[in-house]
Amino acid sequence: MVEKEGFAALVLRLRGEGISDLDLLTAVEQTPRSKFVPPQFAADAYSSRTIPIDCGSFMEGADMAVKILARLQLKPGQRVLEIGTGSGFMTAIIARRVERVFSLERYKTLVQQAQNCLDDLAIRNVVIRQADGSNGLVGE
């Protein structure tokens, strides 16, 4: 129930800021953010607070993450290169909107954690590689 309440509060905040893309909000709703946050921060999953994750990295607050995704104007059929997989939350939402996602993450721990989350959600159109993304992805 906390997941649904958190999502509802997020949608209200986003609508107040003019974000109402139904396809995007549906993708967010289908992607339980609490799966991607460390257990001790589960209560903050849908807050606007930045959440620390492993390897000294962090997740953007839920509001900021959705605002970033809204700006991308993702469409079916697109292929996306994401630099910095992090928790995999934004990766999962992007994957629900496009044909294919290639995501690069420099930390093996984060690659494994994100892949586990994506597998749990049966998201199969993502390739995550451990790599430095400063040179893009050769061959794609």
N, C-alpha and C. Protein backbone atom coordinates (compact mmCIF):
# COMPACT_ATOMS: atom_id res chain seq x y z
N MET A 1 0.82 -1.20 0.00
CA MET A 1 0.00 0.00 0.00
C MET A 1 0.86 1.27 0.00
N VAL A 2 2.00 1.22 0.68
CA VAL A 2 2.88 2.38 0.73
C VAL A 2 3.34 2.75 -0.68
N GLU A 3 3.58 1.73 -1.52
CA GLU A 3 4.01 1.97 -2.90
C GLU A 3 2.96 2.79 -3.65
N LYS A 4 1.71 2.39 -3.56
CA LYS A 4 0.63 3.10 -4.27
C LYS A 4 0.45 4.52 -3.74
N GLU A 5 0.51 4.67 -2.43
CA GLU A 5 0.37 6.01 -1.84
C GLU A 5 1.52 6.91 -2.25
N GLY A 6 2.74 6.36 -2.25
CA GLY A 6 3.90 7.14 -2.66
C GLY A 6 3.80 7.57 -4.11
N PHE A 7 3.36 6.65 -4.96
CA PHE A 7 3.20 6.98 -6.38
C PHE A 7 2.13 8.05 -6.57
N ALA A 8 1.01 7.91 -5.87
CA ALA A 8 -0.08 8.90 -5.98
C ALA A 8 0.40 10.29 -5.58
N ALA A 9 1.16 10.37 -4.49
CA ALA A 9 1.70 11.66 -4.05
C ALA A 9 2.66 12.23 -5.09
N LEU A 10 3.48 11.36 -5.68
CA LEU A 10 4.41 11.79 -6.73
C LEU A 10 3.64 12.36 -7.92
N VAL A 11 2.61 11.67 -8.36
CA VAL A 11 1.81 12.14 -9.51
C VAL A 11 1.20 13.51 -9.22
N LEU A 12 0.70 13.71 -8.02
CA LEU A 12 0.13 15.01 -7.66
C LEU A 12 1.18 16.11 -7.74
N ARG A 13 2.38 15.83 -7.23
CA ARG A 13 3.45 16.83 -7.29
C ARG A 13 3.84 17.12 -8.74
N LEU A 14 3.93 16.07 -9.55
CA LEU A 14 4.33 16.25 -10.95
C LEU A 14 3.28 17.01 -11.74
N ARG A 15 2.02 16.70 -11.52
CA ARG A 15 0.95 17.43 -12.21
C ARG A 15 0.98 18.91 -11.85
N GLY A 16 1.32 19.18 -10.59
CA GLY A 16 1.44 20.57 -10.15
C GLY A 16 2.55 21.31 -10.88
N GLU A 17 3.49 20.55 -11.44
CA GLU A 17 4.59 21.15 -12.20
C GLU A 17 4.40 21.00 -13.70
N GLY A 18 3.20 20.57 -14.10
CA GLY A 18 2.88 20.50 -15.52
C GLY A 18 3.26 19.22 -16.23
N ILE A 19 3.65 18.20 -15.50
CA ILE A 19 4.00 16.92 -16.12
C ILE A 19 2.79 16.00 -16.05
N SER A 20 2.26 15.66 -17.23
CA SER A 20 1.05 14.84 -17.25
C SER A 20 1.09 13.79 -18.36
N ASP A 21 2.28 13.48 -18.88
CA ASP A 21 2.44 12.48 -19.94
C ASP A 21 1.97 11.12 -19.42
N LEU A 22 0.82 10.67 -19.88
CA LEU A 22 0.21 9.45 -19.38
C LEU A 22 1.08 8.22 -19.62
N ASP A 23 1.73 8.14 -20.78
CA ASP A 23 2.60 6.99 -21.06
C ASP A 23 3.78 6.95 -20.09
N LEU A 24 4.35 8.10 -19.81
CA LEU A 24 5.46 8.16 -18.86
C LEU A 24 4.99 7.78 -17.46
N LEU A 25 3.88 8.35 -17.02
CA LEU A 25 3.38 8.05 -15.68
C LEU A 25 2.98 6.58 -15.54
N THR A 26 2.48 5.99 -16.61
CA THR A 26 2.17 4.56 -16.59
C THR A 26 3.44 3.74 -16.43
N ALA A 27 4.50 4.12 -17.16
CA ALA A 27 5.78 3.41 -17.04
C ALA A 27 6.34 3.53 -15.63
N VAL A 28 6.20 4.70 -15.02
CA VAL A 28 6.65 4.89 -13.63
C VAL A 28 5.83 4.02 -12.69
N GLU A 29 4.53 4.00 -12.90
CA GLU A 29 3.65 3.20 -12.03
C GLU A 29 3.97 1.71 -12.15
N GLN A 30 4.36 1.25 -13.32
CA GLN A 30 4.68 -0.16 -13.54
C GLN A 30 6.06 -0.54 -13.02
N THR A 31 6.80 0.43 -12.51
CA THR A 31 8.18 0.21 -12.07
C THR A 31 8.28 0.55 -10.59
N PRO A 32 8.05 -0.42 -9.71
CA PRO A 32 8.05 -0.13 -8.28
C PRO A 32 9.42 0.38 -7.80
N ARG A 33 9.47 1.66 -7.51
CA ARG A 33 10.74 2.31 -7.14
C ARG A 33 11.36 1.68 -5.89
N SER A 34 10.52 1.17 -5.00
CA SER A 34 11.05 0.57 -3.77
C SER A 34 11.95 -0.62 -4.04
N LYS A 35 11.82 -1.26 -5.19
CA LYS A 35 12.71 -2.38 -5.56
C LYS A 35 14.13 -1.89 -5.81
N PHE A 36 14.29 -0.63 -6.15
CA PHE A 36 15.58 -0.10 -6.56
C PHE A 36 16.31 0.65 -5.46
N VAL A 37 15.63 0.97 -4.37
CA VAL A 37 16.26 1.73 -3.29
C VAL A 37 16.75 0.77 -2.20
N PRO A 38 17.81 1.13 -1.49
CA PRO A 38 18.24 0.31 -0.36
C PRO A 38 17.10 0.20 0.65
N PRO A 39 16.96 -0.97 1.29
CA PRO A 39 15.82 -1.20 2.20
C PRO A 39 15.63 -0.12 3.26
N GLN A 40 16.72 0.42 3.77
CA GLN A 40 16.59 1.42 4.83
C GLN A 40 16.00 2.74 4.33
N PHE A 41 15.89 2.89 3.01
CA PHE A 41 15.31 4.11 2.43
C PHE A 41 13.98 3.86 1.74
N ALA A 42 13.39 2.69 1.95
CA ALA A 42 12.14 2.33 1.26
C ALA A 42 11.04 3.36 1.49
N ALA A 43 10.97 3.92 2.68
CA ALA A 43 9.92 4.91 2.98
C ALA A 43 10.10 6.19 2.17
N ASP A 44 11.31 6.43 1.68
CA ASP A 44 11.60 7.63 0.90
C ASP A 44 11.60 7.39 -0.61
N ALA A 45 11.20 6.20 -1.02
CA ALA A 45 11.31 5.82 -2.44
C ALA A 45 10.67 6.83 -3.38
N TYR A 46 9.52 7.37 -3.02
CA TYR A 46 8.81 8.31 -3.90
C TYR A 46 8.95 9.76 -3.46
N SER A 47 9.88 10.01 -2.57
CA SER A 47 10.08 11.39 -2.12
C SER A 47 10.96 12.13 -3.12
N SER A 48 11.10 13.41 -2.90
CA SER A 48 11.96 14.22 -3.77
C SER A 48 13.40 14.21 -3.27
N ARG A 49 13.67 13.44 -2.23
CA ARG A 49 15.01 13.38 -1.65
C ARG A 49 15.95 12.51 -2.48
N THR A 50 17.21 12.91 -2.56
CA THR A 50 18.25 12.10 -3.17
C THR A 50 18.54 10.94 -2.22
N ILE A 51 18.70 9.74 -2.78
CA ILE A 51 18.89 8.54 -1.96
C ILE A 51 20.26 7.95 -2.26
N PRO A 52 21.09 7.73 -1.22
CA PRO A 52 22.39 7.11 -1.45
C PRO A 52 22.24 5.63 -1.78
N ILE A 53 23.07 5.17 -2.73
CA ILE A 53 23.14 3.75 -3.06
C ILE A 53 24.60 3.33 -2.94
N ASP A 54 24.91 2.11 -3.28
CA ASP A 54 26.28 1.60 -3.15
C ASP A 54 27.27 2.37 -4.02
N CYS A 55 28.54 2.16 -3.71
CA CYS A 55 29.66 2.69 -4.49
C CYS A 55 29.75 4.21 -4.47
N GLY A 56 29.17 4.84 -3.45
CA GLY A 56 29.22 6.29 -3.35
C GLY A 56 28.31 6.99 -4.34
N SER A 57 27.44 6.25 -4.97
CA SER A 57 26.50 6.81 -5.95
C SER A 57 25.20 7.19 -5.26
N PHE A 58 24.27 7.71 -6.03
CA PHE A 58 22.97 8.10 -5.47
C PHE A 58 21.90 8.02 -6.54
N MET A 59 20.67 7.98 -6.08
CA MET A 59 19.50 8.05 -6.97
C MET A 59 18.94 9.45 -6.86
N GLU A 60 18.59 10.03 -7.99
CA GLU A 60 17.87 11.30 -7.96
C GLU A 60 16.57 11.10 -7.22
N GLY A 61 16.04 12.15 -6.63
CA GLY A 61 14.72 12.06 -6.04
C GLY A 61 13.72 11.68 -7.12
N ALA A 62 12.61 11.09 -6.71
CA ALA A 62 11.62 10.61 -7.68
C ALA A 62 11.14 11.73 -8.60
N ASP A 63 10.90 12.90 -8.06
CA ASP A 63 10.42 14.03 -8.86
C ASP A 63 11.42 14.38 -9.96
N MET A 64 12.69 14.51 -9.58
CA MET A 64 13.72 14.88 -10.54
C MET A 64 13.90 13.80 -11.59
N ALA A 65 13.86 12.54 -11.18
CA ALA A 65 14.01 11.44 -12.14
C ALA A 65 12.93 11.51 -13.22
N VAL A 66 11.69 11.71 -12.81
CA VAL A 66 10.59 11.76 -13.79
C VAL A 66 10.69 13.02 -14.65
N LYS A 67 11.10 14.13 -14.07
CA LYS A 67 11.27 15.36 -14.86
C LYS A 67 12.33 15.16 -15.95
N ILE A 68 13.43 14.50 -15.59
CA ILE A 68 14.48 14.22 -16.57
C ILE A 68 13.92 13.35 -17.69
N LEU A 69 13.21 12.30 -17.31
CA LEU A 69 12.64 11.39 -18.31
C LEU A 69 11.61 12.10 -19.19
N ALA A 70 10.84 13.01 -18.62
CA ALA A 70 9.86 13.76 -19.41
C ALA A 70 10.56 14.60 -20.47
N ARG A 71 11.69 15.18 -20.12
CA ARG A 71 12.44 16.02 -21.06
C ARG A 71 12.99 15.22 -22.24
N LEU A 72 13.22 13.93 -22.03
CA LEU A 72 13.78 13.09 -23.10
C LEU A 72 12.79 12.83 -24.23
N GLN A 73 11.51 12.96 -23.94
CA GLN A 73 10.46 12.71 -24.94
C GLN A 73 10.68 11.39 -25.67
N LEU A 74 10.81 10.32 -24.90
CA LEU A 74 11.07 8.99 -25.44
C LEU A 74 9.88 8.48 -26.25
N LYS A 75 10.20 7.74 -27.31
CA LYS A 75 9.17 7.22 -28.21
C LYS A 75 9.45 5.75 -28.51
N PRO A 76 8.40 4.97 -28.78
CA PRO A 76 8.60 3.58 -29.20
C PRO A 76 9.50 3.52 -30.44
N GLY A 77 10.32 2.49 -30.50
CA GLY A 77 11.21 2.31 -31.64
C GLY A 77 12.59 2.91 -31.45
N GLN A 78 12.75 3.79 -30.48
CA GLN A 78 14.06 4.41 -30.25
C GLN A 78 15.01 3.44 -29.55
N ARG A 79 16.30 3.69 -29.76
CA ARG A 79 17.37 2.98 -29.04
C ARG A 79 18.09 4.04 -28.21
N VAL A 80 18.33 3.74 -26.96
CA VAL A 80 18.87 4.73 -26.03
C VAL A 80 20.18 4.24 -25.44
N LEU A 81 21.17 5.13 -25.38
CA LEU A 81 22.41 4.87 -24.66
C LEU A 81 22.35 5.66 -23.37
N GLU A 82 22.41 4.96 -22.26
CA GLU A 82 22.39 5.59 -20.94
C GLU A 82 23.78 5.45 -20.34
N ILE A 83 24.34 6.54 -19.89
CA ILE A 83 25.63 6.52 -19.22
C ILE A 83 25.38 6.66 -17.73
N GLY A 84 25.70 5.63 -16.97
CA GLY A 84 25.47 5.64 -15.53
C GLY A 84 24.16 4.96 -15.17
N THR A 85 24.18 3.65 -15.11
CA THR A 85 22.99 2.86 -14.79
C THR A 85 22.49 3.13 -13.39
N GLY A 86 23.43 3.28 -12.46
CA GLY A 86 23.06 3.49 -11.06
C GLY A 86 22.21 2.35 -10.55
N SER A 87 21.09 2.67 -9.94
CA SER A 87 20.19 1.66 -9.37
C SER A 87 19.44 0.88 -10.44
N GLY A 88 19.30 1.48 -11.62
CA GLY A 88 18.54 0.86 -12.71
C GLY A 88 17.10 1.35 -12.80
N PHE A 89 16.67 2.21 -11.87
CA PHE A 89 15.29 2.68 -11.89
C PHE A 89 14.97 3.44 -13.18
N MET A 90 15.78 4.42 -13.51
CA MET A 90 15.52 5.18 -14.73
C MET A 90 15.70 4.29 -15.96
N THR A 91 16.65 3.37 -15.90
CA THR A 91 16.85 2.41 -16.98
C THR A 91 15.57 1.64 -17.25
N ALA A 92 14.93 1.17 -16.19
CA ALA A 92 13.70 0.38 -16.31
C ALA A 92 12.58 1.19 -16.96
N ILE A 93 12.44 2.43 -16.54
CA ILE A 93 11.39 3.27 -17.12
C ILE A 93 11.68 3.56 -18.59
N ILE A 94 12.92 3.87 -18.90
CA ILE A 94 13.30 4.10 -20.30
C ILE A 94 12.97 2.86 -21.12
N ALA A 95 13.30 1.69 -20.59
CA ALA A 95 13.07 0.43 -21.31
C ALA A 95 11.60 0.19 -21.60
N ARG A 96 10.73 0.66 -20.74
CA ARG A 96 9.29 0.50 -20.96
C ARG A 96 8.78 1.41 -22.08
N ARG A 97 9.58 2.40 -22.46
CA ARG A 97 9.14 3.39 -23.45
C ARG A 97 9.78 3.21 -24.83
N VAL A 98 10.92 2.51 -24.90
CA VAL A 98 11.67 2.44 -26.16
C VAL A 98 11.93 0.98 -26.57
N GLU A 99 12.53 0.83 -27.74
CA GLU A 99 12.83 -0.52 -28.25
C GLU A 99 13.97 -1.18 -27.49
N ARG A 100 15.07 -0.43 -27.25
CA ARG A 100 16.27 -1.03 -26.68
C ARG A 100 17.03 0.00 -25.87
N VAL A 101 17.62 -0.44 -24.75
CA VAL A 101 18.46 0.43 -23.93
C VAL A 101 19.82 -0.23 -23.77
N PHE A 102 20.86 0.53 -24.03
CA PHE A 102 22.23 0.12 -23.73
C PHE A 102 22.67 1.03 -22.59
N SER A 103 23.07 0.43 -21.49
CA SER A 103 23.42 1.22 -20.32
C SER A 103 24.82 0.85 -19.85
N LEU A 104 25.63 1.86 -19.60
CA LEU A 104 27.00 1.65 -19.13
C LEU A 104 27.13 2.13 -17.69
N GLU A 105 27.76 1.30 -16.88
CA GLU A 105 27.97 1.62 -15.46
C GLU A 105 29.39 1.19 -15.10
N ARG A 106 30.11 2.03 -14.41
CA ARG A 106 31.50 1.70 -14.10
C ARG A 106 31.67 0.77 -12.91
N TYR A 107 30.65 0.64 -12.07
CA TYR A 107 30.78 -0.19 -10.87
C TYR A 107 30.06 -1.53 -11.04
N LYS A 108 30.82 -2.61 -10.90
CA LYS A 108 30.27 -3.96 -11.06
C LYS A 108 29.11 -4.22 -10.11
N THR A 109 29.24 -3.75 -8.88
CA THR A 109 28.18 -3.95 -7.88
C THR A 109 26.86 -3.36 -8.37
N LEU A 110 26.91 -2.15 -8.91
CA LEU A 110 25.69 -1.50 -9.40
C LEU A 110 25.15 -2.20 -10.65
N VAL A 111 26.05 -2.67 -11.52
CA VAL A 111 25.61 -3.43 -12.70
C VAL A 111 24.80 -4.64 -12.25
N GLN A 112 25.34 -5.39 -11.29
CA GLN A 112 24.67 -6.61 -10.83
C GLN A 112 23.35 -6.30 -10.15
N GLN A 113 23.33 -5.28 -9.29
CA GLN A 113 22.09 -4.93 -8.59
C GLN A 113 21.02 -4.47 -9.58
N ALA A 114 21.39 -3.62 -10.51
CA ALA A 114 20.42 -3.13 -11.50
C ALA A 114 19.90 -4.28 -12.36
N GLN A 115 20.81 -5.16 -12.79
CA GLN A 115 20.38 -6.29 -13.62
C GLN A 115 19.41 -7.18 -12.86
N ASN A 116 19.68 -7.41 -11.58
CA ASN A 116 18.76 -8.22 -10.76
C ASN A 116 17.37 -7.58 -10.69
N CYS A 117 17.32 -6.27 -10.51
CA CYS A 117 16.02 -5.58 -10.46
C CYS A 117 15.29 -5.69 -11.79
N LEU A 118 16.01 -5.49 -12.88
CA LEU A 118 15.39 -5.59 -14.21
C LEU A 118 14.90 -7.01 -14.46
N ASP A 119 15.69 -8.00 -14.06
CA ASP A 119 15.27 -9.40 -14.22
C ASP A 119 14.01 -9.68 -13.41
N ASP A 120 13.96 -9.17 -12.17
CA ASP A 120 12.77 -9.37 -11.33
C ASP A 120 11.52 -8.79 -11.97
N LEU A 121 11.68 -7.72 -12.74
CA LEU A 121 10.54 -7.07 -13.40
C LEU A 121 10.32 -7.59 -14.83
N ALA A 122 11.09 -8.61 -15.22
CA ALA A 122 11.00 -9.21 -16.55
C ALA A 122 11.21 -8.18 -17.67
N ILE A 123 12.11 -7.24 -17.44
CA ILE A 123 12.48 -6.26 -18.46
C ILE A 123 13.67 -6.83 -19.22
N ARG A 124 13.47 -7.12 -20.50
CA ARG A 124 14.46 -7.87 -21.28
C ARG A 124 15.10 -7.07 -22.42
N ASN A 125 14.73 -5.83 -22.60
CA ASN A 125 15.27 -5.06 -23.72
C ASN A 125 16.39 -4.10 -23.28
N VAL A 126 17.13 -4.52 -22.25
CA VAL A 126 18.23 -3.71 -21.72
C VAL A 126 19.51 -4.53 -21.73
N VAL A 127 20.59 -3.90 -22.18
CA VAL A 127 21.92 -4.48 -22.07
C VAL A 127 22.72 -3.55 -21.17
N ILE A 128 23.18 -4.08 -20.04
CA ILE A 128 24.01 -3.29 -19.12
C ILE A 128 25.43 -3.83 -19.21
N ARG A 129 26.37 -2.93 -19.38
CA ARG A 129 27.78 -3.32 -19.42
C ARG A 129 28.55 -2.51 -18.39
N GLN A 130 29.54 -3.18 -17.79
CA GLN A 130 30.45 -2.46 -16.91
C GLN A 130 31.49 -1.79 -17.79
N ALA A 131 31.47 -0.47 -17.82
CA ALA A 131 32.39 0.28 -18.67
C ALA A 131 32.37 1.75 -18.28
N ASP A 132 33.42 2.44 -18.67
CA ASP A 132 33.48 3.90 -18.53
C ASP A 132 32.74 4.47 -19.74
N GLY A 133 31.73 5.24 -19.51
CA GLY A 133 30.90 5.75 -20.60
C GLY A 133 31.42 6.99 -21.28
N SER A 134 32.61 7.46 -20.93
CA SER A 134 33.09 8.72 -21.50
C SER A 134 33.33 8.65 -23.00
N ASN A 135 33.47 7.44 -23.54
CA ASN A 135 33.68 7.29 -24.99
C ASN A 135 32.46 6.72 -25.70
N GLY A 136 31.33 6.69 -25.03
CA GLY A 136 30.13 6.13 -25.64
C GLY A 136 30.22 4.62 -25.72
N LEU A 137 29.52 4.05 -26.68
CA LEU A 137 29.48 2.60 -26.87
C LEU A 137 29.83 2.31 -28.32
N VAL A 138 31.01 1.79 -28.53
CA VAL A 138 31.49 1.49 -29.87
C VAL A 138 30.61 0.42 -30.51
N GLY A 139 30.20 0.66 -31.74
CA GLY A 139 29.43 -0.32 -32.49
C GLY A 139 27.93 -0.16 -32.37
N GLU A 140 27.48 0.79 -31.60
CA GLU A 140 26.03 0.99 -31.44
C GLU A 140 25.65 2.40 -31.84
